[in-house]
Amino acid sequence: MTLSKTLLLLPIIFFAATPVKAENQVQNRIEERREVRQEIQEDRQEMRQENVENRQELRTTIVQDKLEMRRQNAIKIANNIVSKFENRFNYLEKIKARLQLKITNQKTIRDMTEAQKKLDLYDTTKYATDLAALKAKVATIATIDKPQTVVPALKEVTKLIQKDLKDLHQYLVDVLKLMVKAPKIN
């Protein structure tokens, strides 16, 4: 080949190679953009997944916190009920002691044998066993998963204790009536 032919072919070859090179550069840029988009989408997907997990963890902690608060409130309410029953029982015990003192003081003036017999029937064992059962039920609230399942049993035991306290009160009322009706000793 001659020099003139090569000179003629050289620009053709040069310009023919340039579009291929330019086309390769365009393809490379397109591929880079696709890769960047893919990375961005993957990052977004990871963020979404992390957000979902965080929300799930937050929900479980909120549910557990609410359960714990309810449990603590239930225990607090039950302990208040127990303390009220104990206070009422202590009050009845004070009244019993005062009646016993009255009976001993009045023995010289009146016949207090019936009142003393009735006061001796004053028995607190049923109350003590029912109160122990109530305290055991209150203790189970702290360990059970669903505290509301204990509520019916608590209601039953509290009704028993109320009945026991009413019975004890009625004994004291009867003793007082017998004391008032006791005949005088001549």
Protein backbone atom coordinates (compact mmCIF):
# COMPACT_ATOMS: atom_id res chain seq x y z
CA MET A 1 0.00 0.00 0.00
CA THR A 2 1.10 3.33 -0.70
CA LEU A 3 1.43 6.18 1.57
CA SER A 4 -1.44 8.10 0.12
CA LYS A 5 -3.77 5.21 0.53
CA THR A 6 -2.78 4.78 4.14
CA LEU A 7 -3.24 8.45 4.71
CA LEU A 8 -6.67 8.20 3.29
CA LEU A 9 -7.53 5.15 5.32
CA LEU A 10 -6.07 6.48 8.54
CA PRO A 11 -8.81 9.07 9.17
CA ILE A 12 -11.45 6.55 8.27
CA ILE A 13 -10.05 4.06 10.70
CA PHE A 14 -9.58 6.74 13.34
CA PHE A 15 -13.09 8.09 12.98
CA ALA A 16 -14.55 4.64 12.75
CA ALA A 17 -12.86 3.59 16.02
CA THR A 18 -13.94 6.72 17.83
CA PRO A 19 -17.69 5.94 17.78
CA VAL A 20 -16.99 2.49 19.15
CA LYS A 21 -14.91 3.99 21.92
CA ALA A 22 -17.58 6.62 22.60
CA GLU A 23 -20.25 3.96 22.56
CA ASN A 24 -18.24 1.94 25.08
CA GLN A 25 -17.94 4.99 27.33
CA VAL A 26 -21.70 5.54 27.16
CA GLN A 27 -22.31 1.89 28.00
CA ASN A 28 -19.87 2.15 30.92
CA ARG A 29 -21.67 5.20 32.27
CA ILE A 30 -25.03 3.48 31.92
CA GLU A 31 -23.69 0.44 33.78
CA GLU A 32 -22.23 2.65 36.51
CA ARG A 33 -25.54 4.43 36.93
CA ARG A 34 -27.36 1.09 37.12
CA GLU A 35 -24.93 -0.13 39.76
CA VAL A 36 -25.35 3.08 41.77
CA ARG A 37 -29.15 2.80 41.53
CA GLN A 38 -28.97 -0.82 42.59
CA GLU A 39 -26.80 0.09 45.60
CA ILE A 40 -29.19 2.90 46.55
CA GLN A 41 -32.16 0.52 46.32
CA GLU A 42 -30.36 -2.06 48.44
CA ASP A 43 -29.49 0.58 51.03
CA ARG A 44 -33.11 1.76 51.12
CA GLN A 45 -34.32 -1.81 51.49
CA GLU A 46 -31.91 -2.37 54.39
CA MET A 47 -33.11 0.85 56.05
CA ARG A 48 -36.74 -0.23 55.64
CA GLN A 49 -35.98 -3.62 57.13
CA GLU A 50 -34.17 -2.03 60.07
CA ASN A 51 -37.11 0.35 60.62
CA VAL A 52 -39.55 -2.56 60.60
CA GLU A 53 -37.40 -4.45 63.12
CA ASN A 54 -37.05 -1.37 65.33
CA ARG A 55 -40.81 -0.81 65.27
CA GLN A 56 -41.41 -4.45 66.13
CA GLU A 57 -39.00 -4.25 69.07
CA LEU A 58 -40.61 -1.02 70.22
CA ARG A 59 -44.07 -2.60 70.06
CA THR A 60 -42.99 -5.56 72.13
CA THR A 61 -41.37 -3.34 74.75
CA ILE A 62 -44.46 -1.13 74.88
CA VAL A 63 -46.70 -4.18 75.32
CA GLN A 64 -44.43 -5.53 78.04
CA ASP A 65 -44.34 -2.15 79.78
CA LYS A 66 -48.13 -1.91 79.69
CA LEU A 67 -48.44 -5.43 81.06
CA GLU A 68 -46.00 -4.64 83.84
CA MET A 69 -47.85 -1.41 84.71
CA ARG A 70 -51.17 -3.27 84.81
CA ARG A 71 -49.63 -5.98 86.93
CA GLN A 72 -48.22 -3.42 89.37
CA ASN A 73 -51.59 -1.62 89.53
CA ALA A 74 -53.40 -4.90 90.17
CA ILE A 75 -50.96 -5.80 92.94
CA LYS A 76 -51.33 -2.33 94.45
CA ILE A 77 -55.13 -2.55 94.41
CA ALA A 78 -55.11 -6.07 95.86
CA ASN A 79 -52.70 -5.04 98.61
CA ASN A 80 -54.98 -2.10 99.45
CA ILE A 81 -57.90 -4.49 99.75
CA VAL A 82 -55.87 -6.79 102.00
CA SER A 83 -54.81 -3.88 104.22
CA LYS A 84 -58.42 -2.69 104.53
CA PHE A 85 -59.50 -6.16 105.61
CA GLU A 86 -56.65 -6.30 108.13
CA ASN A 87 -57.57 -2.86 109.48
CA ARG A 88 -61.18 -3.88 109.86
CA PHE A 89 -60.14 -7.07 111.64
CA ASN A 90 -57.87 -5.11 113.98
CA TYR A 91 -60.78 -2.79 114.75
CA LEU A 92 -62.97 -5.80 115.59
CA GLU A 93 -60.21 -7.18 117.81
CA LYS A 94 -60.06 -3.87 119.69
CA ILE A 95 -63.82 -3.96 120.18
CA LYS A 96 -63.56 -7.54 121.44
CA ALA A 97 -60.87 -6.51 123.93
CA ARG A 98 -63.03 -3.64 125.13
CA LEU A 99 -66.05 -5.93 125.50
CA GLN A 100 -63.94 -8.44 127.43
CA LEU A 101 -62.79 -5.65 129.73
CA LYS A 102 -66.43 -4.56 130.25
CA ILE A 103 -67.48 -8.13 131.00
CA THR A 104 -64.75 -8.55 133.62
CA ASN A 105 -65.62 -5.20 135.18
CA GLN A 106 -69.37 -5.89 135.20
CA LYS A 107 -69.16 -9.45 136.61
CA THR A 108 -69.62 -8.18 140.13
CA ILE A 109 -72.73 -6.18 139.23
CA ARG A 110 -74.37 -8.32 136.51
CA ASP A 111 -74.56 -11.96 135.45
CA MET A 112 -72.23 -12.00 132.41
CA THR A 113 -71.92 -15.78 131.94
CA GLU A 114 -73.94 -15.86 128.70
CA ALA A 115 -72.08 -12.88 127.28
CA GLN A 116 -68.76 -14.53 128.18
CA LYS A 117 -69.85 -17.80 126.52
CA LYS A 118 -70.83 -15.94 123.38
CA LEU A 119 -67.56 -14.00 123.38
CA ASP A 120 -65.65 -17.27 123.73
CA LEU A 121 -67.28 -18.48 120.49
CA TYR A 122 -65.59 -15.59 118.69
CA ASP A 123 -63.20 -17.59 116.44
CA THR A 124 -60.84 -16.00 113.92
CA THR A 125 -59.38 -19.14 112.29
CA LYS A 126 -61.72 -19.05 109.27
CA TYR A 127 -60.85 -15.41 108.70
CA ALA A 128 -57.13 -16.17 109.00
CA THR A 129 -57.27 -19.02 106.46
CA ASP A 130 -59.29 -16.93 103.99
CA LEU A 131 -56.89 -14.00 104.38
CA ALA A 132 -53.93 -16.32 103.75
CA ALA A 133 -55.67 -17.57 100.58
CA LEU A 134 -56.21 -13.98 99.44
CA LYS A 135 -52.56 -13.12 100.02
CA ALA A 136 -51.54 -16.21 98.02
CA LYS A 137 -53.77 -15.11 95.12
CA VAL A 138 -52.27 -11.62 95.25
CA ALA A 139 -48.79 -13.16 95.10
CA THR A 140 -49.74 -15.08 91.95
CA ILE A 141 -50.54 -11.84 90.14
CA ALA A 142 -46.84 -10.99 89.99
CA THR A 143 -45.90 -14.27 88.33
CA ILE A 144 -48.79 -14.97 85.98
CA ASP A 145 -48.81 -13.80 82.34
CA LYS A 146 -52.42 -12.65 82.35
CA PRO A 147 -53.30 -11.03 85.69
CA GLN A 148 -56.96 -10.65 84.70
CA THR A 149 -57.40 -14.44 84.95
CA VAL A 150 -56.90 -14.24 88.73
CA VAL A 151 -59.67 -11.66 89.20
CA PRO A 152 -62.59 -14.12 89.57
CA ALA A 153 -60.72 -16.09 92.23
CA LEU A 154 -59.84 -12.84 94.02
CA LYS A 155 -63.50 -11.83 94.04
CA GLU A 156 -64.54 -15.15 95.54
CA VAL A 157 -61.94 -14.97 98.30
CA THR A 158 -62.76 -11.33 99.11
CA LYS A 159 -66.44 -12.25 99.43
CA LEU A 160 -65.50 -15.02 101.84
CA ILE A 161 -63.42 -12.62 103.91
CA GLN A 162 -66.22 -10.06 103.95
CA LYS A 163 -68.60 -12.76 105.17
CA ASP A 164 -66.11 -13.80 107.85
CA LEU A 165 -65.76 -10.22 109.05
CA LYS A 166 -69.54 -9.78 109.12
CA ASP A 167 -69.88 -12.95 111.16
CA LEU A 168 -67.24 -11.77 113.62
CA HIS A 169 -68.98 -8.41 113.85
CA GLN A 170 -72.31 -10.13 114.47
CA TYR A 171 -70.74 -12.11 117.34
CA LEU A 172 -69.64 -8.86 118.93
CA VAL A 173 -73.08 -7.31 118.42
CA ASP A 174 -74.70 -10.34 120.05
CA VAL A 175 -72.28 -10.16 122.97
CA LEU A 176 -73.14 -6.49 123.45
CA LYS A 177 -76.86 -7.29 123.39
CA LEU A 178 -76.34 -10.02 125.96
CA MET A 179 -74.34 -7.62 128.11
CA VAL A 180 -77.11 -5.05 128.02
CA LYS A 181 -79.78 -7.67 128.80
CA ALA A 182 -77.75 -9.33 131.54
CA PRO A 183 -79.65 -9.41 134.82
CA LYS A 184 -78.32 -7.60 137.85
CA ILE A 185 -76.95 -9.61 140.73
CA ASN A 186 -78.76 -9.01 144.03
